Amino acid sequence: MVRAEVIVVGGGPAGSTCAWKLKQLGIDALILDKKPFPRLKLCAGWIQPEVISDLEIEIDDYPHRIVRFDRFRVHIKNKNLKIPVNQYAIRRIEFDEWLLQRSGADVHTHEVKNIEQRGEFYVIDEKFECRYLVGAGGTYCPVYRTFFKEKKPRRKNLMIASLEHEFAYDYQDENCHLWFVQNNLPGYSWYVPKGNGVLNLGVGGYAEKIKANRDTIKNQWEFFVKELKKLNLVQKVDFEPKGYVYFLRDDNDFVQNGRAYVIGDAAGLATRDMGEGIGPAVRSGILAAESIVQKKPFSLKRIKKNSFSKPGMLYKLGRAYLLRSYD
């Protein structure tokens, strides 16, 4: 039996950040992940300046590619707007491994099957034992399934279905493009250059609404690809999109059950307006670590529910329209 004070299930940004903060506060955590790193993780990879600050990252010291966008090209029906933003984009395959290594945690490749609470300890597959357990294993996290699902059930109307493809490509347009309400998609599509010849394309939307429209995310992807070709943004690519689902944040903040915690996508914390997951994952990892060390309740109050403030985004859209900063 391998014993640790804290075991984190999941080595993505939420789990590695939690372990990193725990180490800063004097506790060594053990991380379990079902896949060895580096592992491919499809994601647009947007991170806001708050993430850089939370992780105490010096941009110049980050060893992998990171791209800064000072504007989005937003397409809404026949309008093409240039919206000023301050966003970064990373590749998850690089970012996640770097965070995991930086955490200093002992990492085991292990797929968690069974968790039992025995007295004040949690026992995982009769192989691992801990006093504190943190679930950071994404939508299908076994910690969520075992200790949170009954009191914090997933709301199907907040489930987002996505298809993405990230690949090497000699792109000519270095802008980040977003398409809203295109082809009646209840969500949006994106074109994100990641730097050094890597491009991420994706479509995502409310799964229930897509189904109610008698549509599929695959149909939306095929429409999107045709549009990209018409715009000459991509050509001659054998697309192999991969799908996944996740949940937007609801009003149920049940994220601590005794000494068990859920953070990141395991807690369903993606922002309500953009479905951004990295920022809430990082912030929740930090707050869970502080809760464990300081023995205070774990609260989500310091985690934003939206990526952009509604008045701020409405102002930017209105200003872009009035100044005719569109094509």
C-alpha atoms as a PDB file:
ATOM      1  CA  MET A   1       0.000   0.000   0.000  1.00  0.00           C
ATOM      2  CA  VAL A   2       1.308   3.424  -1.017  1.00  0.00           C
ATOM      3  CA  ARG A   3       0.343   6.042   1.580  1.00  0.00           C
ATOM      4  CA  ALA A   4       0.191   9.837   1.234  1.00  0.00           C
ATOM      5  CA  GLU A   5      -1.435  12.655   3.168  1.00  0.00           C
ATOM      6  CA  VAL A   6      -3.110  13.895  -0.042  1.00  0.00           C
ATOM      7  CA  ILE A   7      -3.833  11.991  -3.230  1.00  0.00           C
ATOM      8  CA  VAL A   8      -4.957  13.909  -6.318  1.00  0.00           C
ATOM      9  CA  VAL A   9      -6.769  11.895  -8.986  1.00  0.00           C
ATOM     10  CA  GLY A  10      -5.983  13.554 -12.319  1.00  0.00           C
ATOM     11  CA  GLY A  11      -2.803  15.291 -13.444  1.00  0.00           C
ATOM     12  CA  GLY A  12      -4.254  18.057 -15.637  1.00  0.00           C
ATOM     13  CA  PRO A  13      -4.095  21.774 -14.769  1.00  0.00           C
ATOM     14  CA  ALA A  14      -6.477  21.428 -11.788  1.00  0.00           C
ATOM     15  CA  GLY A  15      -4.666  18.481 -10.210  1.00  0.00           C
ATOM     16  CA  SER A  16      -1.117  19.630 -10.871  1.00  0.00           C
ATOM     17  CA  THR A  17      -1.908  23.136  -9.615  1.00  0.00           C
ATOM     18  CA  CYS A  18      -3.395  21.710  -6.427  1.00  0.00           C
ATOM     19  CA  ALA A  19      -0.268  19.575  -5.853  1.00  0.00           C
ATOM     20  CA  TRP A  20       2.005  22.551  -6.649  1.00  0.00           C
ATOM     21  CA  LYS A  21       0.210  24.791  -4.143  1.00  0.00           C
ATOM     22  CA  LEU A  22       0.192  22.022  -1.509  1.00  0.00           C
ATOM     23  CA  LYS A  23       3.964  21.692  -1.869  1.00  0.00           C
ATOM     24  CA  GLN A  24       4.354  25.454  -1.453  1.00  0.00           C
ATOM     25  CA  LEU A  25       2.333  25.137   1.756  1.00  0.00           C
ATOM     26  CA  GLY A  26       4.422  22.243   3.074  1.00  0.00           C
ATOM     27  CA  ILE A  27       2.521  19.097   2.017  1.00  0.00           C
ATOM     28  CA  ASP A  28       3.736  16.576  -0.568  1.00  0.00           C
ATOM     29  CA  ALA A  29       0.874  15.160  -2.610  1.00  0.00           C
ATOM     30  CA  LEU A  30       0.722  12.087  -4.805  1.00  0.00           C
ATOM     31  CA  ILE A  31      -0.935  12.313  -8.229  1.00  0.00           C
ATOM     32  CA  LEU A  32      -2.655   9.428 -10.008  1.00  0.00           C
ATOM     33  CA  ASP A  33      -3.445   9.700 -13.722  1.00  0.00           C
ATOM     34  CA  LYS A  34      -4.616   6.983 -16.064  1.00  0.00           C
ATOM     35  CA  LYS A  35      -2.304   8.124 -18.860  1.00  0.00           C
ATOM     36  CA  PRO A  36       1.427   8.893 -18.905  1.00  0.00           C
ATOM     37  CA  PHE A  37       2.473  12.464 -19.747  1.00  0.00           C
ATOM     38  CA  PRO A  38       2.890  14.082 -22.172  1.00  0.00           C
ATOM     39  CA  ARG A  39      -0.527  13.075 -23.476  1.00  0.00           C
ATOM     40  CA  LEU A  40      -2.627  14.636 -26.206  1.00  0.00           C
ATOM     41  CA  LYS A  41      -5.364  16.831 -24.785  1.00  0.00           C
ATOM     42  CA  LEU A  42      -7.589  18.607 -27.267  1.00  0.00           C
ATOM     43  CA  CYS A  43      -8.429  22.117 -26.144  1.00  0.00           C
ATOM     44  CA  ALA A  44      -8.507  25.586 -27.654  1.00  0.00           C
ATOM     45  CA  GLY A  45      -6.052  26.357 -24.865  1.00  0.00           C
ATOM     46  CA  TRP A  46      -7.181  29.871 -24.033  1.00  0.00           C
ATOM     47  CA  ILE A  47      -5.849  31.274 -20.798  1.00  0.00           C
ATOM     48  CA  GLN A  48      -6.483  34.714 -19.379  1.00  0.00           C
ATOM     49  CA  PRO A  49      -3.904  36.874 -17.568  1.00  0.00           C
ATOM     50  CA  GLU A  50      -5.399  35.757 -14.231  1.00  0.00           C
ATOM     51  CA  VAL A  51      -4.164  32.225 -14.950  1.00  0.00           C
ATOM     52  CA  ILE A  52      -0.643  33.496 -15.589  1.00  0.00           C
ATOM     53  CA  SER A  53      -0.836  35.376 -12.293  1.00  0.00           C
ATOM     54  CA  ASP A  54      -2.353  32.489 -10.314  1.00  0.00           C
ATOM     55  CA  LEU A  55       0.358  30.119 -11.535  1.00  0.00           C
ATOM     56  CA  GLU A  56       3.109  32.711 -10.931  1.00  0.00           C
ATOM     57  CA  ILE A  57       4.372  32.212 -14.491  1.00  0.00           C
ATOM     58  CA  GLU A  58       6.954  34.499 -16.048  1.00  0.00           C
ATOM     59  CA  ILE A  59       6.046  34.421 -19.731  1.00  0.00           C
ATOM     60  CA  ASP A  60       9.674  34.642 -20.830  1.00  0.00           C
ATOM     61  CA  ASP A  61      10.542  31.614 -18.690  1.00  0.00           C
ATOM     62  CA  TYR A  62       7.785  29.386 -20.076  1.00  0.00           C
ATOM     63  CA  PRO A  63       9.718  26.852 -22.180  1.00  0.00           C
ATOM     64  CA  HIS A  64       7.008  26.069 -24.745  1.00  0.00           C
ATOM     65  CA  ARG A  65       4.928  27.954 -27.264  1.00  0.00           C
ATOM     66  CA  ILE A  66       2.527  30.573 -25.957  1.00  0.00           C
ATOM     67  CA  VAL A  67       0.676  33.035 -28.181  1.00  0.00           C
ATOM     68  CA  ARG A  68      -0.874  36.307 -27.084  1.00  0.00           C
ATOM     69  CA  PHE A  69      -3.964  37.694 -28.815  1.00  0.00           C
ATOM     70  CA  ASP A  70      -4.850  41.370 -28.434  1.00  0.00           C
ATOM     71  CA  ARG A  71      -8.054  40.954 -30.416  1.00  0.00           C
ATOM     72  CA  PHE A  72     -10.531  38.336 -31.567  1.00  0.00           C
ATOM     73  CA  ARG A  73     -12.100  38.396 -34.988  1.00  0.00           C
ATOM     74  CA  VAL A  74     -15.720  37.667 -34.113  1.00  0.00           C
ATOM     75  CA  HIS A  75     -18.188  36.632 -36.810  1.00  0.00           C
ATOM     76  CA  ILE A  76     -21.899  36.961 -36.056  1.00  0.00           C
ATOM     77  CA  LYS A  77     -24.018  36.173 -39.083  1.00  0.00           C
ATOM     78  CA  ASN A  78     -22.868  38.707 -41.717  1.00  0.00           C
ATOM     79  CA  LYS A  79     -20.953  40.952 -39.312  1.00  0.00           C
ATOM     80  CA  ASN A  80     -17.206  40.575 -38.799  1.00  0.00           C
ATOM     81  CA  LEU A  81     -16.031  42.432 -35.717  1.00  0.00           C
ATOM     82  CA  LYS A  82     -12.601  43.007 -34.224  1.00  0.00           C
ATOM     83  CA  ILE A  83     -12.906  42.755 -30.455  1.00  0.00           C
ATOM     84  CA  PRO A  84      -9.972  43.875 -28.269  1.00  0.00           C
ATOM     85  CA  VAL A  85      -8.980  41.214 -25.726  1.00  0.00           C
ATOM     86  CA  ASN A  86      -5.991  40.159 -23.669  1.00  0.00           C
ATOM     87  CA  GLN A  87      -5.771  36.390 -24.070  1.00  0.00           C
ATOM     88  CA  TYR A  88      -3.090  33.752 -24.404  1.00  0.00           C
ATOM     89  CA  ALA A  89      -3.179  30.344 -26.061  1.00  0.00           C
ATOM     90  CA  ILE A  90      -1.058  27.315 -25.198  1.00  0.00           C
ATOM     91  CA  ARG A  91      -0.916  23.683 -26.327  1.00  0.00           C
ATOM     92  CA  ARG A  92      -2.252  21.417 -23.625  1.00  0.00           C
ATOM     93  CA  ILE A  93       0.133  18.593 -24.496  1.00  0.00           C
ATOM     94  CA  GLU A  94       2.998  20.924 -23.540  1.00  0.00           C
ATOM     95  CA  PHE A  95       1.360  23.019 -20.831  1.00  0.00           C
ATOM     96  CA  ASP A  96      -0.018  20.085 -18.826  1.00  0.00           C
ATOM     97  CA  GLU A  97       3.274  18.182 -18.754  1.00  0.00           C
ATOM     98  CA  TRP A  98       5.182  21.302 -17.741  1.00  0.00           C
ATOM     99  CA  LEU A  99       2.756  22.038 -14.880  1.00  0.00           C
ATOM    100  CA  LEU A 100       2.914  18.430 -13.731  1.00  0.00           C
ATOM    101  CA  GLN A 101       6.696  18.407 -13.621  1.00  0.00           C
ATOM    102  CA  ARG A 102       6.766  21.776 -11.897  1.00  0.00           C
ATOM    103  CA  SER A 103       4.375  20.564  -9.193  1.00  0.00           C
ATOM    104  CA  GLY A 104       7.123  18.360  -7.741  1.00  0.00           C
ATOM    105  CA  ALA A 105       4.525  15.700  -6.946  1.00  0.00           C
ATOM    106  CA  ASP A 106       5.110  11.963  -7.052  1.00  0.00           C
ATOM    107  CA  VAL A 107       3.129  10.820 -10.126  1.00  0.00           C
ATOM    108  CA  HIS A 108       1.794   7.281 -10.682  1.00  0.00           C
ATOM    109  CA  THR A 109       0.176   6.092 -13.906  1.00  0.00           C
ATOM    110  CA  HIS A 110      -2.915   4.327 -12.589  1.00  0.00           C
ATOM    111  CA  GLU A 111      -6.567   4.222 -13.651  1.00  0.00           C
ATOM    112  CA  VAL A 112      -8.713   4.460 -10.534  1.00  0.00           C
ATOM    113  CA  LYS A 113     -11.455   1.838 -10.418  1.00  0.00           C
ATOM    114  CA  ASN A 114     -12.688   1.774  -6.839  1.00  0.00           C
ATOM    115  CA  ILE A 115     -12.516   4.137  -3.862  1.00  0.00           C
ATOM    116  CA  GLU A 116     -13.620   3.289  -0.333  1.00  0.00           C
ATOM    117  CA  GLN A 117     -13.688   5.414   2.795  1.00  0.00           C
ATOM    118  CA  ARG A 118     -12.411   3.493   5.811  1.00  0.00           C
ATOM    119  CA  GLY A 119     -12.510   5.593   8.940  1.00  0.00           C
ATOM    120  CA  GLU A 120     -10.488   8.732   8.330  1.00  0.00           C
ATOM    121  CA  PHE A 121      -8.733   7.298   5.270  1.00  0.00           C
ATOM    122  CA  TYR A 122      -9.578   6.768   1.608  1.00  0.00           C
ATOM    123  CA  VAL A 123      -8.401   3.516   0.009  1.00  0.00           C
ATOM    124  CA  ILE A 124      -7.989   3.362  -3.771  1.00  0.00           C
ATOM    125  CA  ASP A 125      -7.992  -0.054  -5.470  1.00  0.00           C
ATOM    126  CA  GLU A 126      -6.304  -1.576  -2.366  1.00  0.00           C
ATOM    127  CA  LYS A 127      -3.087   0.065  -3.604  1.00  0.00           C
ATOM    128  CA  PHE A 128      -3.161   3.662  -2.380  1.00  0.00           C
ATOM    129  CA  GLU A 129      -4.298   5.257   0.890  1.00  0.00           C
ATOM    130  CA  CYS A 130      -4.664   8.904   1.916  1.00  0.00           C
ATOM    131  CA  ARG A 131      -6.249  11.195   4.492  1.00  0.00           C
ATOM    132  CA  TYR A 132      -7.328  13.828   1.925  1.00  0.00           C
ATOM    133  CA  LEU A 133      -8.612  13.014  -1.559  1.00  0.00           C
ATOM    134  CA  VAL A 134      -8.892  15.489  -4.444  1.00  0.00           C
ATOM    135  CA  GLY A 135     -10.827  14.634  -7.603  1.00  0.00           C
ATOM    136  CA  ALA A 136      -9.365  16.352 -10.662  1.00  0.00           C
ATOM    137  CA  GLY A 137     -10.066  13.686 -13.239  1.00  0.00           C
ATOM    138  CA  GLY A 138     -12.378  15.635 -15.523  1.00  0.00           C
ATOM    139  CA  THR A 139     -15.999  14.957 -16.416  1.00  0.00           C
ATOM    140  CA  TYR A 140     -15.801  11.244 -15.592  1.00  0.00           C
ATOM    141  CA  CYS A 141     -13.701  11.609 -12.439  1.00  0.00           C
ATOM    142  CA  PRO A 142     -14.093   8.583 -10.113  1.00  0.00           C
ATOM    143  CA  VAL A 143     -13.965  10.842  -7.037  1.00  0.00           C
ATOM    144  CA  TYR A 144     -16.985  12.755  -8.325  1.00  0.00           C
ATOM    145  CA  ARG A 145     -18.765   9.511  -9.177  1.00  0.00           C
ATOM    146  CA  THR A 146     -18.151   8.027  -5.719  1.00  0.00           C
ATOM    147  CA  PHE A 147     -18.664  10.946  -3.339  1.00  0.00           C
ATOM    148  CA  PHE A 148     -20.463  13.783  -5.170  1.00  0.00           C
ATOM    149  CA  LYS A 149     -22.747  12.485  -7.900  1.00  0.00           C
ATOM    150  CA  GLU A 150     -25.783  11.959  -5.645  1.00  0.00           C
ATOM    151  CA  LYS A 151     -25.777  15.478  -4.147  1.00  0.00           C
ATOM    152  CA  LYS A 152     -24.378  17.234  -7.210  1.00  0.00           C
ATOM    153  CA  PRO A 153     -25.938  15.526 -10.249  1.00  0.00           C
ATOM    154  CA  ARG A 154     -24.931  16.713 -13.708  1.00  0.00           C
ATOM    155  CA  ARG A 155     -27.467  18.985 -15.388  1.00  0.00           C
ATOM    156  CA  LYS A 156     -27.928  17.774 -18.956  1.00  0.00           C
ATOM    157  CA  ASN A 157     -28.940  21.229 -20.142  1.00  0.00           C
ATOM    158  CA  LEU A 158     -25.428  22.433 -19.243  1.00  0.00           C
ATOM    159  CA  MET A 159     -23.589  19.684 -21.111  1.00  0.00           C
ATOM    160  CA  ILE A 160     -21.384  20.906 -23.971  1.00  0.00           C
ATOM    161  CA  ALA A 161     -20.502  18.609 -26.864  1.00  0.00           C
ATOM    162  CA  SER A 162     -17.350  19.438 -28.819  1.00  0.00           C
ATOM    163  CA  LEU A 163     -15.334  18.215 -31.768  1.00  0.00           C
ATOM    164  CA  GLU A 164     -11.760  19.392 -32.246  1.00  0.00           C
ATOM    165  CA  HIS A 165      -8.712  18.789 -34.368  1.00  0.00           C
ATOM    166  CA  GLU A 166      -5.225  20.123 -33.589  1.00  0.00           C
ATOM    167  CA  PHE A 167      -2.561  19.600 -36.210  1.00  0.00           C
ATOM    168  CA  ALA A 168       0.580  20.915 -37.845  1.00  0.00           C
ATOM    169  CA  TYR A 169      -0.325  23.417 -40.536  1.00  0.00           C
ATOM    170  CA  ASP A 170       1.374  26.248 -42.371  1.00  0.00           C
ATOM    171  CA  TYR A 171      -1.392  28.723 -41.598  1.00  0.00           C
ATOM    172  CA  GLN A 172      -1.286  32.166 -43.219  1.00  0.00           C
ATOM    173  CA  ASP A 173      -3.838  33.944 -41.003  1.00  0.00           C
ATOM    174  CA  GLU A 174      -2.479  34.454 -37.467  1.00  0.00           C
ATOM    175  CA  ASN A 175      -5.728  35.876 -36.094  1.00  0.00           C
ATOM    176  CA  CYS A 176      -7.993  34.003 -33.689  1.00  0.00           C
ATOM    177  CA  HIS A 177     -11.452  33.670 -35.289  1.00  0.00           C
ATOM    178  CA  LEU A 178     -14.721  32.894 -33.500  1.00  0.00           C
ATOM    179  CA  TRP A 179     -18.047  32.219 -35.213  1.00  0.00           C
ATOM    180  CA  PHE A 180     -21.268  32.584 -33.230  1.00  0.00           C
ATOM    181  CA  VAL A 181     -24.772  31.473 -34.274  1.00  0.00           C
ATOM    182  CA  GLN A 182     -23.339  30.013 -37.465  1.00  0.00           C
ATOM    183  CA  ASN A 183     -25.542  27.355 -39.109  1.00  0.00           C
ATOM    184  CA  ASN A 184     -27.901  27.578 -36.092  1.00  0.00           C
ATOM    185  CA  LEU A 185     -25.232  26.142 -33.787  1.00  0.00           C
ATOM    186  CA  PRO A 186     -26.146  26.804 -30.107  1.00  0.00           C
ATOM    187  CA  GLY A 187     -22.535  27.580 -29.314  1.00  0.00           C
ATOM    188  CA  TYR A 188     -19.548  28.680 -31.350  1.00  0.00           C
ATOM    189  CA  SER A 189     -16.715  27.559 -33.608  1.00  0.00           C
ATOM    190  CA  TRP A 190     -13.077  28.567 -33.438  1.00  0.00           C
ATOM    191  CA  TYR A 191      -9.847  28.860 -35.414  1.00  0.00           C
ATOM    192  CA  VAL A 192      -6.872  29.256 -33.067  1.00  0.00           C
ATOM    193  CA  PRO A 193      -3.274  29.456 -34.377  1.00  0.00           C
ATOM    194  CA  LYS A 194      -1.053  28.091 -31.604  1.00  0.00           C
ATOM    195  CA  GLY A 195       2.281  29.330 -32.937  1.00  0.00           C
ATOM    196  CA  ASN A 196       5.120  27.451 -34.656  1.00  0.00           C
ATOM    197  CA  GLY A 197       2.782  25.971 -37.229  1.00  0.00           C
ATOM    198  CA  VAL A 198       0.108  24.328 -35.079  1.00  0.00           C
ATOM    199  CA  LEU A 199      -3.571  25.056 -35.614  1.00  0.00           C
ATOM    200  CA  ASN A 200      -6.564  24.160 -33.426  1.00  0.00           C
ATOM    201  CA  LEU A 201     -10.055  24.031 -34.928  1.00  0.00           C
ATOM    202  CA  GLY A 202     -13.230  23.196 -33.069  1.00  0.00           C
ATOM    203  CA  VAL A 203     -16.986  23.415 -32.713  1.00  0.00           C
ATOM    204  CA  GLY A 204     -18.878  23.234 -29.439  1.00  0.00           C
ATOM    205  CA  GLY A 205     -22.434  23.740 -28.300  1.00  0.00           C
ATOM    206  CA  TYR A 206     -25.208  22.771 -25.926  1.00  0.00           C
ATOM    207  CA  ALA A 207     -25.773  19.043 -26.512  1.00  0.00           C
ATOM    208  CA  GLU A 208     -29.496  19.088 -25.677  1.00  0.00           C
ATOM    209  CA  LYS A 209     -30.204  22.047 -27.968  1.00  0.00           C
ATOM    210  CA  ILE A 210     -28.287  20.462 -30.840  1.00  0.00           C
ATOM    211  CA  LYS A 211     -30.356  17.300 -30.400  1.00  0.00           C
ATOM    212  CA  ALA A 212     -33.593  19.320 -30.163  1.00  0.00           C
ATOM    213  CA  ASN A 213     -32.682  20.886 -33.525  1.00  0.00           C
ATOM    214  CA  ARG A 214     -32.439  17.337 -34.942  1.00  0.00           C
ATOM    215  CA  ASP A 215     -28.817  18.095 -35.598  1.00  0.00           C
ATOM    216  CA  THR A 216     -25.485  16.569 -34.542  1.00  0.00           C
ATOM    217  CA  ILE A 217     -22.142  18.032 -33.586  1.00  0.00           C
ATOM    218  CA  LYS A 218     -20.650  16.014 -36.453  1.00  0.00           C
ATOM    219  CA  ASN A 219     -22.923  17.794 -38.948  1.00  0.00           C
ATOM    220  CA  GLN A 220     -21.830  21.118 -37.456  1.00  0.00           C
ATOM    221  CA  TRP A 221     -18.184  20.136 -37.824  1.00  0.00           C
ATOM    222  CA  GLU A 222     -18.648  19.244 -41.506  1.00  0.00           C
ATOM    223  CA  PHE A 223     -20.370  22.577 -42.162  1.00  0.00           C
ATOM    224  CA  PHE A 224     -17.580  24.413 -40.329  1.00  0.00           C
ATOM    225  CA  VAL A 225     -14.849  22.735 -42.373  1.00  0.00           C
ATOM    226  CA  LYS A 226     -16.585  23.684 -45.626  1.00  0.00           C
ATOM    227  CA  GLU A 227     -16.776  27.311 -44.469  1.00  0.00           C
ATOM    228  CA  LEU A 228     -13.083  27.339 -43.564  1.00  0.00           C
ATOM    229  CA  LYS A 229     -12.224  26.083 -47.025  1.00  0.00           C
ATOM    230  CA  LYS A 230     -14.422  28.765 -48.630  1.00  0.00           C
ATOM    231  CA  LEU A 231     -12.538  31.387 -46.615  1.00  0.00           C
ATOM    232  CA  ASN A 232      -9.245  29.778 -47.665  1.00  0.00           C
ATOM    233  CA  LEU A 233      -8.216  29.416 -44.013  1.00  0.00           C
ATOM    234  CA  VAL A 234      -7.409  25.717 -44.453  1.00  0.00           C
ATOM    235  CA  GLN A 235      -6.982  23.526 -47.511  1.00  0.00           C
ATOM    236  CA  LYS A 236      -5.985  19.932 -48.230  1.00  0.00           C
ATOM    237  CA  VAL A 237      -6.261  18.602 -44.679  1.00  0.00           C
ATOM    238  CA  ASP A 238      -7.427  15.103 -43.764  1.00  0.00           C
ATOM    239  CA  PHE A 239      -9.479  16.035 -40.730  1.00  0.00           C
ATOM    240  CA  GLU A 240      -9.689  13.605 -37.821  1.00  0.00           C
ATOM    241  CA  PRO A 241     -11.710  15.442 -35.157  1.00  0.00           C
ATOM    242  CA  LYS A 242     -12.090  13.958 -31.704  1.00  0.00           C
ATOM    243  CA  GLY A 243     -15.095  14.509 -29.473  1.00  0.00           C
ATOM    244  CA  TYR A 244     -15.607  15.083 -25.774  1.00  0.00           C
ATOM    245  CA  VAL A 245     -18.175  16.540 -23.400  1.00  0.00           C
ATOM    246  CA  TYR A 246     -17.977  18.732 -20.329  1.00  0.00           C
ATOM    247  CA  PHE A 247     -20.330  20.761 -18.151  1.00  0.00           C
ATOM    248  CA  LEU A 248     -20.770  24.469 -17.596  1.00  0.00           C
ATOM    249  CA  ARG A 249     -20.940  25.726 -14.053  1.00  0.00           C
ATOM    250  CA  ASP A 250     -24.271  25.442 -12.260  1.00  0.00           C
ATOM    251  CA  ASP A 251     -25.437  26.928  -8.954  1.00  0.00           C
ATOM    252  CA  ASN A 252     -24.683  23.782  -6.928  1.00  0.00           C
ATOM    253  CA  ASP A 253     -21.435  24.476  -5.071  1.00  0.00           C
ATOM    254  CA  PHE A 254     -21.212  21.098  -3.323  1.00  0.00           C
ATOM    255  CA  VAL A 255     -17.498  20.511  -3.908  1.00  0.00           C
ATOM    256  CA  GLN A 256     -16.323  19.248  -0.523  1.00  0.00           C
ATOM    257  CA  ASN A 257     -17.568  16.098   1.175  1.00  0.00           C
ATOM    258  CA  GLY A 258     -15.643  15.571   4.390  1.00  0.00           C
ATOM    259  CA  ARG A 259     -11.990  15.363   3.332  1.00  0.00           C
ATOM    260  CA  ALA A 260     -12.875  14.652  -0.312  1.00  0.00           C
ATOM    261  CA  TYR A 261     -12.819  17.484  -2.873  1.00  0.00           C
ATOM    262  CA  VAL A 262     -13.645  17.945  -6.565  1.00  0.00           C
ATOM    263  CA  ILE A 263     -12.017  20.645  -8.688  1.00  0.00           C
ATOM    264  CA  GLY A 264     -11.853  21.715 -12.349  1.00  0.00           C
ATOM    265  CA  ASP A 265     -14.056  19.836 -14.808  1.00  0.00           C
ATOM    266  CA  ALA A 266     -14.728  17.170 -12.176  1.00  0.00           C
ATOM    267  CA  ALA A 267     -16.712  19.881 -10.387  1.00  0.00           C
ATOM    268  CA  GLY A 268     -18.229  21.230 -13.637  1.00  0.00           C
ATOM    269  CA  LEU A 269     -16.641  24.685 -13.429  1.00  0.00           C
ATOM    270  CA  ALA A 270     -16.330  25.729 -17.093  1.00  0.00           C
ATOM    271  CA  THR A 271     -17.400  29.343 -17.537  1.00  0.00           C
ATOM    272  CA  ARG A 272     -21.003  29.928 -18.553  1.00  0.00           C
ATOM    273  CA  ASP A 273     -20.307  32.315 -21.419  1.00  0.00           C
ATOM    274  CA  MET A 274     -17.299  30.767 -23.197  1.00  0.00           C
ATOM    275  CA  GLY A 275     -16.941  27.287 -21.707  1.00  0.00           C
ATOM    276  CA  GLU A 276     -13.407  28.160 -20.578  1.00  0.00           C
ATOM    277  CA  GLY A 277     -12.057  25.491 -18.261  1.00  0.00           C
ATOM    278  CA  ILE A 278      -8.381  26.170 -17.558  1.00  0.00           C
ATOM    279  CA  GLY A 279      -8.868  29.307 -15.456  1.00  0.00           C
ATOM    280  CA  PRO A 280     -11.469  27.779 -13.101  1.00  0.00           C
ATOM    281  CA  ALA A 281      -9.401  24.576 -12.924  1.00  0.00           C
ATOM    282  CA  VAL A 282      -6.278  26.404 -11.793  1.00  0.00           C
ATOM    283  CA  ARG A 283      -8.070  28.654  -9.305  1.00  0.00           C
ATOM    284  CA  SER A 284     -10.040  25.741  -7.799  1.00  0.00           C
ATOM    285  CA  GLY A 285      -6.826  23.724  -7.409  1.00  0.00           C
ATOM    286  CA  ILE A 286      -5.247  26.552  -5.431  1.00  0.00           C
ATOM    287  CA  LEU A 287      -8.314  27.058  -3.246  1.00  0.00           C
ATOM    288  CA  ALA A 288      -8.640  23.330  -2.504  1.00  0.00           C
ATOM    289  CA  ALA A 289      -4.985  23.183  -1.425  1.00  0.00           C
ATOM    290  CA  GLU A 290      -5.462  26.172   0.871  1.00  0.00           C
ATOM    291  CA  SER A 291      -8.593  24.555   2.311  1.00  0.00           C
ATOM    292  CA  ILE A 292      -6.703  21.359   3.121  1.00  0.00           C
ATOM    293  CA  VAL A 293      -3.735  23.072   4.731  1.00  0.00           C
ATOM    294  CA  GLN A 294      -5.645  25.787   6.557  1.00  0.00           C
ATOM    295  CA  LYS A 295      -8.517  23.424   7.478  1.00  0.00           C
ATOM    296  CA  LYS A 296     -11.151  25.857   6.259  1.00  0.00           C
ATOM    297  CA  PRO A 297     -14.208  25.153   4.064  1.00  0.00           C
ATOM    298  CA  PHE A 298     -13.568  24.899   0.333  1.00  0.00           C
ATOM    299  CA  SER A 299     -15.539  27.651  -1.397  1.00  0.00           C
ATOM    300  CA  LEU A 300     -15.975  28.603  -5.081  1.00  0.00           C
ATOM    301  CA  LYS A 301     -16.746  32.264  -4.331  1.00  0.00           C
ATOM    302  CA  ARG A 302     -13.394  33.436  -5.721  1.00  0.00           C
ATOM    303  CA  ILE A 303     -13.879  31.628  -9.033  1.00  0.00           C
ATOM    304  CA  LYS A 304     -15.497  33.583 -11.865  1.00  0.00           C
ATOM    305  CA  LYS A 305     -18.663  32.177 -13.402  1.00  0.00           C
ATOM    306  CA  ASN A 306     -18.049  33.951 -16.725  1.00  0.00           C
ATOM    307  CA  SER A 307     -14.899  34.585 -18.742  1.00  0.00           C
ATOM    308  CA  PHE A 308     -16.012  38.117 -19.608  1.00  0.00           C
ATOM    309  CA  SER A 309     -18.152  40.532 -17.677  1.00  0.00           C
ATOM    310  CA  LYS A 310     -21.384  41.044 -19.608  1.00  0.00           C
ATOM    311  CA  PRO A 311     -21.274  44.873 -19.515  1.00  0.00           C
ATOM    312  CA  GLY A 312     -17.633  44.800 -20.646  1.00  0.00           C
ATOM    313  CA  MET A 313     -18.243  42.467 -23.582  1.00  0.00           C
ATOM    314  CA  LEU A 314     -21.391  44.309 -24.638  1.00  0.00           C
ATOM    315  CA  TYR A 315     -19.393  47.542 -24.592  1.00  0.00           C
ATOM    316  CA  LYS A 316     -16.666  46.026 -26.750  1.00  0.00           C
ATOM    317  CA  LEU A 317     -19.172  44.657 -29.270  1.00  0.00           C
ATOM    318  CA  GLY A 318     -21.022  47.967 -29.426  1.00  0.00           C
ATOM    319  CA  ARG A 319     -17.835  49.987 -29.803  1.00  0.00           C
ATOM    320  CA  ALA A 320     -16.512  47.662 -32.506  1.00  0.00           C
ATOM    321  CA  TYR A 321     -19.775  48.040 -34.424  1.00  0.00           C
ATOM    322  CA  LEU A 322     -19.997  51.824 -34.057  1.00  0.00           C
ATOM    323  CA  LEU A 323     -16.383  52.352 -35.058  1.00  0.00           C
ATOM    324  CA  ARG A 324     -17.000  50.038 -38.006  1.00  0.00           C
ATOM    325  CA  SER A 325     -14.017  47.924 -37.099  1.00  0.00           C
ATOM    326  CA  TYR A 326     -15.320  45.184 -39.276  1.00  0.00           C
ATOM    327  CA  ASP A 327     -14.620  44.073 -42.809  1.00  0.00           C
END
